C-alpha atoms as a PDB file:
ATOM      1  CA  MET A   1      59.580 136.863  98.137  1.00  0.00           C
ATOM      2  CA  ILE A   2      61.763 134.208  99.781  1.00  0.00           C
ATOM      3  CA  PHE A   3      59.179 131.649  98.457  1.00  0.00           C
ATOM      4  CA  LEU A   4      59.308 133.007  95.007  1.00  0.00           C
ATOM      5  CA  LEU A   5      63.180 133.014  94.925  1.00  0.00           C
ATOM      6  CA  THR A   6      63.094 129.437  96.167  1.00  0.00           C
ATOM      7  CA  GLY A   7      60.664 128.364  93.519  1.00  0.00           C
ATOM      8  CA  GLY A   8      62.489 130.083  90.778  1.00  0.00           C
ATOM      9  CA  SER A   9      65.699 128.396  91.811  1.00  0.00           C
ATOM     10  CA  ARG A  10      63.924 125.092  91.581  1.00  0.00           C
ATOM     11  CA  ARG A  11      62.632 125.835  88.157  1.00  0.00           C
ATOM     12  CA  ILE A  12      66.031 126.650  86.943  1.00  0.00           C
ATOM     13  CA  MET A  13      67.374 123.361  88.290  1.00  0.00           C
ATOM     14  CA  VAL A  14      64.626 121.372  86.641  1.00  0.00           C
ATOM     15  CA  THR A  15      65.247 123.030  83.346  1.00  0.00           C
ATOM     16  CA  PHE A  16      68.950 122.386  83.674  1.00  0.00           C
ATOM     17  CA  ARG A  17      68.360 118.683  84.303  1.00  0.00           C
ATOM     18  CA  LYS A  18      66.034 118.415  81.372  1.00  0.00           C
ATOM     19  CA  GLU A  19      68.613 120.078  79.104  1.00  0.00           C
ATOM     20  CA  ASN A  20      71.249 117.512  80.378  1.00  0.00           C
ATOM     21  CA  ALA A  21      68.853 114.646  79.782  1.00  0.00           C
ATOM     22  CA  MET A  22      68.057 115.867  76.203  1.00  0.00           C
ATOM     23  CA  THR A  23      71.754 116.070  75.477  1.00  0.00           C
ATOM     24  CA  GLU A  24      72.415 112.560  76.744  1.00  0.00           C
ATOM     25  CA  GLN A  25      69.457 111.185  74.882  1.00  0.00           C
ATOM     26  CA  THR A  26      70.704 113.012  71.689  1.00  0.00           C
ATOM     27  CA  ASP A  27      74.207 111.517  72.105  1.00  0.00           C
ATOM     28  CA  GLU A  28      72.752 108.156  72.617  1.00  0.00           C
ATOM     29  CA  LYS A  29      70.587 108.318  69.524  1.00  0.00           C
ATOM     30  CA  LYS A  30      73.559 109.301  67.465  1.00  0.00           C
ATOM     31  CA  LYS A  31      75.508 106.380  68.754  1.00  0.00           C
ATOM     32  CA  LYS A  32      72.752 103.903  67.981  1.00  0.00           C
ATOM     33  CA  LYS A  33      72.304 105.442  64.636  1.00  0.00           C
ATOM     34  CA  GLU A  34      75.980 105.239  63.671  1.00  0.00           C
ATOM     35  CA  GLY A  35      76.556 101.955  65.430  1.00  0.00           C
ATOM     36  CA  ARG A  36      79.914 100.361  65.667  1.00  0.00           C
ATOM     37  CA  SER A  37      82.561  99.871  62.976  1.00  0.00           C
ATOM     38  CA  PRO A  38      83.346  96.331  61.747  1.00  0.00           C
ATOM     39  CA  SER A  39      86.314  94.682  63.576  1.00  0.00           C
ATOM     40  CA  TYR A  40      89.622  95.758  62.185  1.00  0.00           C
ATOM     41  CA  PRO A  41      93.264  95.890  63.306  1.00  0.00           C
ATOM     42  CA  ALA A  42      93.845  99.425  64.870  1.00  0.00           C
ATOM     43  CA  VAL A  43      97.621  99.144  64.040  1.00  0.00           C
ATOM     44  CA  ASP A  44      99.084  98.097  60.678  1.00  0.00           C
ATOM     45  CA  LEU A  45     100.983  94.835  60.106  1.00  0.00           C
ATOM     46  CA  SER A  46     104.460  96.250  60.325  1.00  0.00           C
ATOM     47  CA  THR A  47     103.668  97.729  63.681  1.00  0.00           C
ATOM     48  CA  ALA A  48     102.131  94.532  64.884  1.00  0.00           C
ATOM     49  CA  LEU A  49     105.110  92.538  63.828  1.00  0.00           C
ATOM     50  CA  VAL A  50     107.480  94.773  65.919  1.00  0.00           C
ATOM     51  CA  ARG A  51     105.376  93.899  68.959  1.00  0.00           C
ATOM     52  CA  ALA A  52     105.418  90.254  68.187  1.00  0.00           C
ATOM     53  CA  GLN A  53     109.086  90.320  68.020  1.00  0.00           C
ATOM     54  CA  ALA A  54     109.211  91.768  71.542  1.00  0.00           C
ATOM     55  CA  ILE A  55     107.150  88.889  72.869  1.00  0.00           C
ATOM     56  CA  LYS A  56     109.423  86.404  71.097  1.00  0.00           C
ATOM     57  CA  GLU A  57     112.399  87.958  72.680  1.00  0.00           C
ATOM     58  CA  LYS A  58     110.975  87.709  76.115  1.00  0.00           C
ATOM     59  CA  GLU A  59     108.770  84.682  76.084  1.00  0.00           C
ATOM     60  CA  GLY A  60     109.708  82.442  73.187  1.00  0.00           C
ATOM     61  CA  ARG A  61     106.649  80.082  72.659  1.00  0.00           C
ATOM     62  CA  HIS A  62     105.524  80.359  76.261  1.00  0.00           C
ATOM     63  CA  PHE A  63     102.072  81.637  77.171  1.00  0.00           C
ATOM     64  CA  ALA A  64     102.034  84.836  79.107  1.00  0.00           C
ATOM     65  CA  ASN A  65      99.221  86.706  80.885  1.00  0.00           C
ATOM     66  CA  ILE A  66      98.056  90.125  79.652  1.00  0.00           C
ATOM     67  CA  PRO A  67      99.837  92.257  82.394  1.00  0.00           C
ATOM     68  CA  THR A  68     103.173  90.601  81.528  1.00  0.00           C
ATOM     69  CA  ILE A  69     102.783  91.284  77.862  1.00  0.00           C
ATOM     70  CA  MET A  70     101.940  94.726  78.575  1.00  0.00           C
ATOM     71  CA  THR A  71     105.022  95.155  80.581  1.00  0.00           C
ATOM     72  CA  HIS A  72     107.119  93.752  77.628  1.00  0.00           C
ATOM     73  CA  TRP A  73     105.678  96.623  75.526  1.00  0.00           C
ATOM     74  CA  GLY A  74     106.312  99.262  78.042  1.00  0.00           C
ATOM     75  CA  TYR A  75     102.655  99.788  78.817  1.00  0.00           C
ATOM     76  CA  GLY A  76     100.816  99.722  82.147  1.00  0.00           C
ATOM     77  CA  ALA A  77      98.859  96.526  83.083  1.00  0.00           C
ATOM     78  CA  LYS A  78      95.517  98.167  82.044  1.00  0.00           C
ATOM     79  CA  SER A  79      96.778 100.393  79.155  1.00  0.00           C
ATOM     80  CA  SER A  80      94.009 100.955  76.691  1.00  0.00           C
ATOM     81  CA  GLN A  81      96.592 101.385  73.843  1.00  0.00           C
ATOM     82  CA  GLY A  82      98.173  98.140  75.020  1.00  0.00           C
ATOM     83  CA  PHE A  83      94.791  96.395  74.542  1.00  0.00           C
ATOM     84  CA  VAL A  84      94.400  97.928  71.075  1.00  0.00           C
ATOM     85  CA  VAL A  85      97.775  96.471  69.990  1.00  0.00           C
ATOM     86  CA  LEU A  86      96.953  93.074  71.550  1.00  0.00           C
ATOM     87  CA  ALA A  87      93.716  92.884  69.556  1.00  0.00           C
ATOM     88  CA  ALA A  88      95.542  93.705  66.479  1.00  0.00           C
ATOM     89  CA  LEU A  89      97.992  90.960  66.821  1.00  0.00           C
ATOM     90  CA  LYS A  90      95.121  88.578  67.394  1.00  0.00           C
ATOM     91  CA  LYS A  91      93.344  89.756  64.205  1.00  0.00           C
ATOM     92  CA  PHE A  92      96.505  89.361  62.120  1.00  0.00           C
ATOM     93  CA  GLY A  93      96.916  85.664  63.358  1.00  0.00           C
ATOM     94  CA  LEU A  94     100.072  86.397  65.233  1.00  0.00           C
ATOM     95  CA  LEU A  95      98.787  85.458  68.661  1.00  0.00           C
ATOM     96  CA  GLU A  96      96.694  82.540  69.973  1.00  0.00           C
ATOM     97  CA  ASP A  97      95.039  82.575  73.448  1.00  0.00           C
ATOM     98  CA  ARG A  98      93.677  80.322  76.147  1.00  0.00           C
ATOM     99  CA  GLY A  99      91.592  80.908  79.336  1.00  0.00           C
ATOM    100  CA  THR A 100      89.142  83.676  80.086  1.00  0.00           C
ATOM    101  CA  GLY A 101      88.970  86.783  82.164  1.00  0.00           C
ATOM    102  CA  GLY A 102      92.031  87.376  84.450  1.00  0.00           C
ATOM    103  CA  ALA A 103      93.448  84.023  83.587  1.00  0.00           C
ATOM    104  CA  ARG A 104      93.592  84.649  79.896  1.00  0.00           C
ATOM    105  CA  GLU A 105      96.945  84.107  78.261  1.00  0.00           C
ATOM    106  CA  PHE A 106      98.600  84.640  74.862  1.00  0.00           C
ATOM    107  CA  ARG A 107     101.430  83.249  73.015  1.00  0.00           C
ATOM    108  CA  LEU A 108     102.899  83.505  69.473  1.00  0.00           C
ATOM    109  CA  THR A 109     101.250  81.118  66.945  1.00  0.00           C
ATOM    110  CA  GLU A 110     103.270  78.497  65.170  1.00  0.00           C
ATOM    111  CA  LEU A 111     103.264  80.287  61.913  1.00  0.00           C
ATOM    112  CA  ALA A 112     104.375  83.526  63.658  1.00  0.00           C
ATOM    113  CA  TRP A 113     107.147  81.683  65.210  1.00  0.00           C
ATOM    114  CA  ASN A 114     108.368  80.157  61.955  1.00  0.00           C
ATOM    115  CA  ILE A 115     108.429  83.585  60.293  1.00  0.00           C
ATOM    116  CA  LEU A 116     110.351  85.197  63.319  1.00  0.00           C
ATOM    117  CA  ILE A 117     113.074  82.626  63.244  1.00  0.00           C
ATOM    118  CA  ASP A 118     113.438  82.882  59.459  1.00  0.00           C
ATOM    119  CA  THR A 119     116.225  85.537  59.243  1.00  0.00           C
ATOM    120  CA  ARG A 120     117.383  84.786  55.674  1.00  0.00           C
ATOM    121  CA  GLU A 121     117.844  87.865  53.623  1.00  0.00           C
ATOM    122  CA  VAL A 122     115.588  86.408  51.043  1.00  0.00           C
ATOM    123  CA  SER A 123     112.875  84.026  51.993  1.00  0.00           C
ATOM    124  CA  VAL A 124     109.992  83.100  49.666  1.00  0.00           C
ATOM    125  CA  GLU A 125     108.484  81.156  52.590  1.00  0.00           C
ATOM    126  CA  ARG A 126     108.529  84.145  54.961  1.00  0.00           C
ATOM    127  CA  GLU A 127     107.069  86.459  52.277  1.00  0.00           C
ATOM    128  CA  SER A 128     104.179  84.108  51.630  1.00  0.00           C
ATOM    129  CA  LEU A 129     103.400  84.035  55.373  1.00  0.00           C
ATOM    130  CA  ILE A 130     103.504  87.760  55.577  1.00  0.00           C
ATOM    131  CA  ARG A 131     100.906  88.064  52.848  1.00  0.00           C
ATOM    132  CA  LYS A 132      98.687  85.524  54.459  1.00  0.00           C
ATOM    133  CA  ALA A 133      98.830  87.630  57.813  1.00  0.00           C
ATOM    134  CA  ALA A 134      97.923  90.794  55.842  1.00  0.00           C
ATOM    135  CA  LEU A 135      94.669  89.132  54.667  1.00  0.00           C
ATOM    136  CA  SER A 136      93.779  87.400  57.900  1.00  0.00           C
ATOM    137  CA  PRO A 137      91.344  90.128  59.293  1.00  0.00           C
ATOM    138  CA  ASP A 138      87.949  89.568  57.707  1.00  0.00           C
ATOM    139  CA  ILE A 139      87.666  93.196  56.444  1.00  0.00           C
ATOM    140  CA  HIS A 140      90.954  93.022  54.809  1.00  0.00           C
ATOM    141  CA  ARG A 141      90.084  89.797  53.114  1.00  0.00           C
ATOM    142  CA  LYS A 142      86.748  91.143  51.916  1.00  0.00           C
ATOM    143  CA  LEU A 143      88.383  94.368  50.353  1.00  0.00           C
ATOM    144  CA  TRP A 144      91.094  92.374  48.749  1.00  0.00           C
ATOM    145  CA  GLU A 145      88.621  90.017  47.173  1.00  0.00           C
ATOM    146  CA  GLU A 146      86.631  93.020  45.857  1.00  0.00           C
ATOM    147  CA  TYR A 147      89.455  95.243  44.582  1.00  0.00           C
ATOM    148  CA  GLY A 148      92.839  93.421  44.753  1.00  0.00           C
ATOM    149  CA  ALA A 149      95.739  95.756  44.381  1.00  0.00           C
ATOM    150  CA  ASP A 150      93.679  98.359  42.444  1.00  0.00           C
ATOM    151  CA  LEU A 151      91.966 100.296  45.122  1.00  0.00           C
ATOM    152  CA  PRO A 152      89.515 103.124  44.117  1.00  0.00           C
ATOM    153  CA  SER A 153      90.106 106.571  45.311  1.00  0.00           C
ATOM    154  CA  SER A 154      90.166 107.348  48.979  1.00  0.00           C
ATOM    155  CA  GLU A 155      86.970 109.251  48.655  1.00  0.00           C
ATOM    156  CA  ASN A 156      85.227 106.429  46.802  1.00  0.00           C
ATOM    157  CA  LEU A 157      86.518 103.751  49.245  1.00  0.00           C
ATOM    158  CA  ARG A 158      85.475 105.866  52.229  1.00  0.00           C
ATOM    159  CA  PHE A 159      81.861 106.050  50.907  1.00  0.00           C
ATOM    160  CA  ARG A 160      81.738 102.316  50.297  1.00  0.00           C
ATOM    161  CA  LEU A 161      82.865 101.561  53.771  1.00  0.00           C
ATOM    162  CA  LEU A 162      80.418 104.054  55.331  1.00  0.00           C
ATOM    163  CA  SER A 163      77.545 103.027  53.404  1.00  0.00           C
ATOM    164  CA  GLN A 164      77.958  99.183  52.923  1.00  0.00           C
ATOM    165  CA  GLU A 165      80.298  98.120  55.764  1.00  0.00           C
ATOM    166  CA  ARG A 166      78.790 100.470  58.225  1.00  0.00           C
ATOM    167  CA  PHE A 167      82.009 102.078  59.460  1.00  0.00           C
ATOM    168  CA  THR A 168      81.737 105.106  61.713  1.00  0.00           C
ATOM    169  CA  SER A 169      82.862 108.446  60.465  1.00  0.00           C
ATOM    170  CA  GLY A 170      85.421 108.564  63.245  1.00  0.00           C
ATOM    171  CA  ALA A 171      87.057 105.208  62.369  1.00  0.00           C
ATOM    172  CA  VAL A 172      86.853 104.880  58.581  1.00  0.00           C
ATOM    173  CA  ASP A 173      89.841 107.132  57.774  1.00  0.00           C
ATOM    174  CA  ASP A 174      92.124 105.425  60.199  1.00  0.00           C
ATOM    175  CA  PHE A 175      91.044 102.085  58.738  1.00  0.00           C
ATOM    176  CA  ILE A 176      91.845 103.034  55.200  1.00  0.00           C
ATOM    177  CA  ALA A 177      95.201 104.282  56.161  1.00  0.00           C
ATOM    178  CA  GLU A 178      95.996 101.097  58.099  1.00  0.00           C
ATOM    179  CA  TYR A 179      94.748  98.854  55.192  1.00  0.00           C
ATOM    180  CA  LYS A 180      96.830 100.599  52.600  1.00  0.00           C
ATOM    181  CA  ARG A 181     100.014 100.488  54.770  1.00  0.00           C
ATOM    182  CA  THR A 182      99.419  96.845  55.474  1.00  0.00           C
ATOM    183  CA  ILE A 183      98.834  95.934  51.780  1.00  0.00           C
ATOM    184  CA  SER A 184     101.818  97.746  50.704  1.00  0.00           C
ATOM    185  CA  PHE A 185     104.013  96.264  53.431  1.00  0.00           C
ATOM    186  CA  ALA A 186     102.986  92.756  52.567  1.00  0.00           C
ATOM    187  CA  ASN A 187     103.648  93.366  48.856  1.00  0.00           C
ATOM    188  CA  LEU A 188     100.386  91.845  47.925  1.00  0.00           C
ATOM    189  CA  LYS A 189      99.820  91.063  44.196  1.00  0.00           C
ATOM    190  CA  GLU A 190      96.775  90.123  42.158  1.00  0.00           C
ATOM    191  CA  SER A 191      97.843  86.523  42.061  1.00  0.00           C
ATOM    192  CA  ASP A 192      97.899  86.006  45.788  1.00  0.00           C
ATOM    193  CA  SER A 193      95.322  83.582  46.975  1.00  0.00           C
ATOM    194  CA  LEU A 194      92.715  84.137  49.609  1.00  0.00           C
ATOM    195  CA  ASN A 195      92.446  80.447  50.527  1.00  0.00           C
ATOM    196  CA  GLY A 196      93.084  79.405  54.013  1.00  0.00           C
ATOM    197  CA  HIS A 197      92.709  82.833  55.504  1.00  0.00           C
ATOM    198  CA  GLU A 198      90.714  82.617  58.664  1.00  0.00           C
ATOM    199  CA  GLU A 199      90.583  85.598  60.993  1.00  0.00           C
ATOM    200  CA  ASP A 200      92.047  84.967  64.408  1.00  0.00           C
ATOM    201  CA  LYS A 201      93.003  81.439  63.342  1.00  0.00           C
ATOM    202  CA  THR A 202      95.834  81.808  60.912  1.00  0.00           C
ATOM    203  CA  ALA A 203      99.354  83.040  61.766  1.00  0.00           C
ATOM    204  CA  MET A 204     101.852  85.287  60.138  1.00  0.00           C
ATOM    205  CA  GLN A 205     104.694  87.634  60.847  1.00  0.00           C
ATOM    206  CA  GLU A 206     107.543  89.582  59.468  1.00  0.00           C
ATOM    207  CA  GLU A 207     111.107  90.150  60.204  1.00  0.00           C
ATOM    208  CA  ARG A 208     111.473  93.375  58.429  1.00  0.00           C
ATOM    209  CA  ILE A 209     110.492  97.034  59.187  1.00  0.00           C
ATOM    210  CA  MET A 210     110.218  97.797  55.408  1.00  0.00           C
ATOM    211  CA  PRO A 211     111.379  96.233  52.132  1.00  0.00           C
ATOM    212  CA  GLY A 212     115.167  96.447  51.882  1.00  0.00           C
ATOM    213  CA  THR A 213     116.118  96.894  55.596  1.00  0.00           C
ATOM    214  CA  GLN A 214     117.470  94.455  58.026  1.00  0.00           C
ATOM    215  CA  PRO A 215     115.445  91.858  59.791  1.00  0.00           C
ATOM    216  CA  ILE A 216     113.566  92.924  62.888  1.00  0.00           C
ATOM    217  CA  SER A 217     115.543  90.599  65.024  1.00  0.00           C
ATOM    218  CA  SER A 218     118.721  92.656  64.254  1.00  0.00           C
ATOM    219  CA  LEU A 219     117.042  96.009  64.696  1.00  0.00           C
ATOM    220  CA  GLU A 220     116.089  97.872  67.958  1.00  0.00           C
ATOM    221  CA  ALA A 221     112.648  99.068  67.364  1.00  0.00           C
ATOM    222  CA  LYS A 222     112.429 101.183  70.486  1.00  0.00           C
ATOM    223  CA  THR A 223     112.603 104.971  70.071  1.00  0.00           C
ATOM    224  CA  ARG A 224     112.835 106.251  73.687  1.00  0.00           C
ATOM    225  CA  ASN A 225     115.659 108.636  74.461  1.00  0.00           C
ATOM    226  CA  PRO A 226     117.013 108.988  70.887  1.00  0.00           C
ATOM    227  CA  VAL A 227     120.041 111.173  70.272  1.00  0.00           C
ATOM    228  CA  GLU A 228     121.059 113.284  67.332  1.00  0.00           C
ATOM    229  CA  PRO A 229     121.784 110.959  64.377  1.00  0.00           C
ATOM    230  CA  GLN A 230     125.354 109.780  64.244  1.00  0.00           C
ATOM    231  CA  LYS A 231     125.250 109.243  60.506  1.00  0.00           C
ATOM    232  CA  SER A 232     123.062 110.552  57.670  1.00  0.00           C
ATOM    233  CA  GLU A 233     123.366 109.409  54.183  1.00  0.00           C
ATOM    234  CA  THR A 234     121.281 110.195  51.145  1.00  0.00           C
ATOM    235  CA  THR A 235     121.145 107.301  48.543  1.00  0.00           C
ATOM    236  CA  GLY A 236     119.113 108.529  45.528  1.00  0.00           C
ATOM    237  CA  ALA A 237     115.860 109.715  47.041  1.00  0.00           C
ATOM    238  CA  VAL A 238     116.260 108.043  50.286  1.00  0.00           C
ATOM    239  CA  HIS A 239     117.791 109.398  53.629  1.00  0.00           C
ATOM    240  CA  GLU A 240     119.392 106.810  55.990  1.00  0.00           C
ATOM    241  CA  PHE A 241     119.894 107.574  59.701  1.00  0.00           C
ATOM    242  CA  ASN A 242     121.704 105.541  62.299  1.00  0.00           C
ATOM    243  CA  MET A 243     120.874 106.662  65.857  1.00  0.00           C
ATOM    244  CA  ALA A 244     122.604 105.623  68.949  1.00  0.00           C
ATOM    245  CA  LEU A 245     120.260 104.645  71.772  1.00  0.00           C
ATOM    246  CA  SER A 246     120.708 103.653  75.491  1.00  0.00           C
ATOM    247  CA  ASP A 247     122.779 100.563  76.379  1.00  0.00           C
ATOM    248  CA  GLY A 248     124.845 100.805  73.153  1.00  0.00           C
ATOM    249  CA  LYS A 249     121.844  99.928  70.849  1.00  0.00           C
ATOM    250  CA  THR A 250     121.352 101.566  67.547  1.00  0.00           C
ATOM    251  CA  ALA A 251     118.077 102.493  65.633  1.00  0.00           C
ATOM    252  CA  TYR A 252     118.065 102.446  61.851  1.00  0.00           C
ATOM    253  CA  LEU A 253     115.702 104.748  59.774  1.00  0.00           C
ATOM    254  CA  ARG A 254     115.251 104.963  56.014  1.00  0.00           C
ATOM    255  CA  ILE A 255     112.781 107.531  54.650  1.00  0.00           C
ATOM    256  CA  PRO A 256     112.325 109.047  51.134  1.00  0.00           C
ATOM    257  CA  HIS A 257     113.889 112.368  50.526  1.00  0.00           C
ATOM    258  CA  SER A 258     110.455 114.046  49.877  1.00  0.00           C
ATOM    259  CA  LEU A 259     107.513 113.272  52.093  1.00  0.00           C
ATOM    260  CA  LYS A 260     103.964 114.753  51.983  1.00  0.00           C
ATOM    261  CA  LYS A 261     102.287 115.933  55.185  1.00  0.00           C
ATOM    262  CA  GLY A 262     100.141 112.836  55.352  1.00  0.00           C
ATOM    263  CA  ASP A 263     103.147 110.665  55.196  1.00  0.00           C
ATOM    264  CA  TRP A 264     104.819 112.422  58.130  1.00  0.00           C
ATOM    265  CA  GLU A 265     101.511 111.993  60.167  1.00  0.00           C
ATOM    266  CA  GLN A 266     101.651 108.166  59.447  1.00  0.00           C
ATOM    267  CA  ILE A 267     105.178 107.997  60.654  1.00  0.00           C
ATOM    268  CA  ASN A 268     104.269 109.902  63.756  1.00  0.00           C
ATOM    269  CA  LYS A 269     101.319 107.652  64.374  1.00  0.00           C
ATOM    270  CA  LEU A 270     103.666 104.636  64.196  1.00  0.00           C
ATOM    271  CA  LEU A 271     106.106 106.108  66.603  1.00  0.00           C
ATOM    272  CA  ALA A 272     103.351 107.056  68.998  1.00  0.00           C
ATOM    273  CA  VAL A 273     102.237 103.426  69.185  1.00  0.00           C
ATOM    274  CA  LEU A 274     105.800 102.076  69.666  1.00  0.00           C
ATOM    275  CA  GLU A 275     106.533 104.576  72.498  1.00  0.00           C
ATOM    276  CA  PRO A 276     106.213 102.949  75.965  1.00  0.00           C
ATOM    277  CA  ALA A 277     103.193 104.477  77.836  1.00  0.00           C
ATOM    278  CA  ASP A 278     103.619 106.030  81.335  1.00  0.00           C
ATOM    279  CA  GLU A 279     102.606 103.781  84.067  1.00  0.00           C
END
């Protein structure tokens, strides 16, 4: 009887291992079948520009290693979210790099620097460079060339990206939302040219959080430890809030009077990216 119990136990263990192996093989087949999505910025241009401004304030045009840049953003040295943001800035042409591995360093590109120092309330030059950055990622450029400002429905665009561009189902919706926010932020028009937009080689940046607000250089984009709004005004269909932060700083927020649930979700995603991660 002891022998039989031992044998039964072994049979159970073997069966368990086979089931695990089958599960792993199934997962692996799914991954191979679906593949990887095309390279795209995981954060929109406005978010990337806020992060670029933080680098400007700390480093100017100097090169800095990755752990240092992560520190400027409030991330840990190996933060996965920090690397996502870093890659997005690179795709938008906001950063250039040198070195490899642990010796790799980044700094703002010349075009990025020129935009960040352009604090004029109205600047045709800055707006042009903003549009250039928006179309720097290859997938952005491809969609703009095909559709321009007249995008199809989200369902139609989603099918096109899944079937023709080989996006994964887990990434396609995030990309569509990021692309729409970036194109809207850059105020792209049908007449805007695609010439000279090379991914990871062109530079571009922005001084504003959204049209009609103050330049980024005069705003505090950090949202840690906010207090109740000191001031709330409604101008037409827009709410405006001034929030006192630590060290005498102030955050400015302008939002439409009526927002859909999806709009709130996008705002929350932006705030989540801006919030410093725990060490």
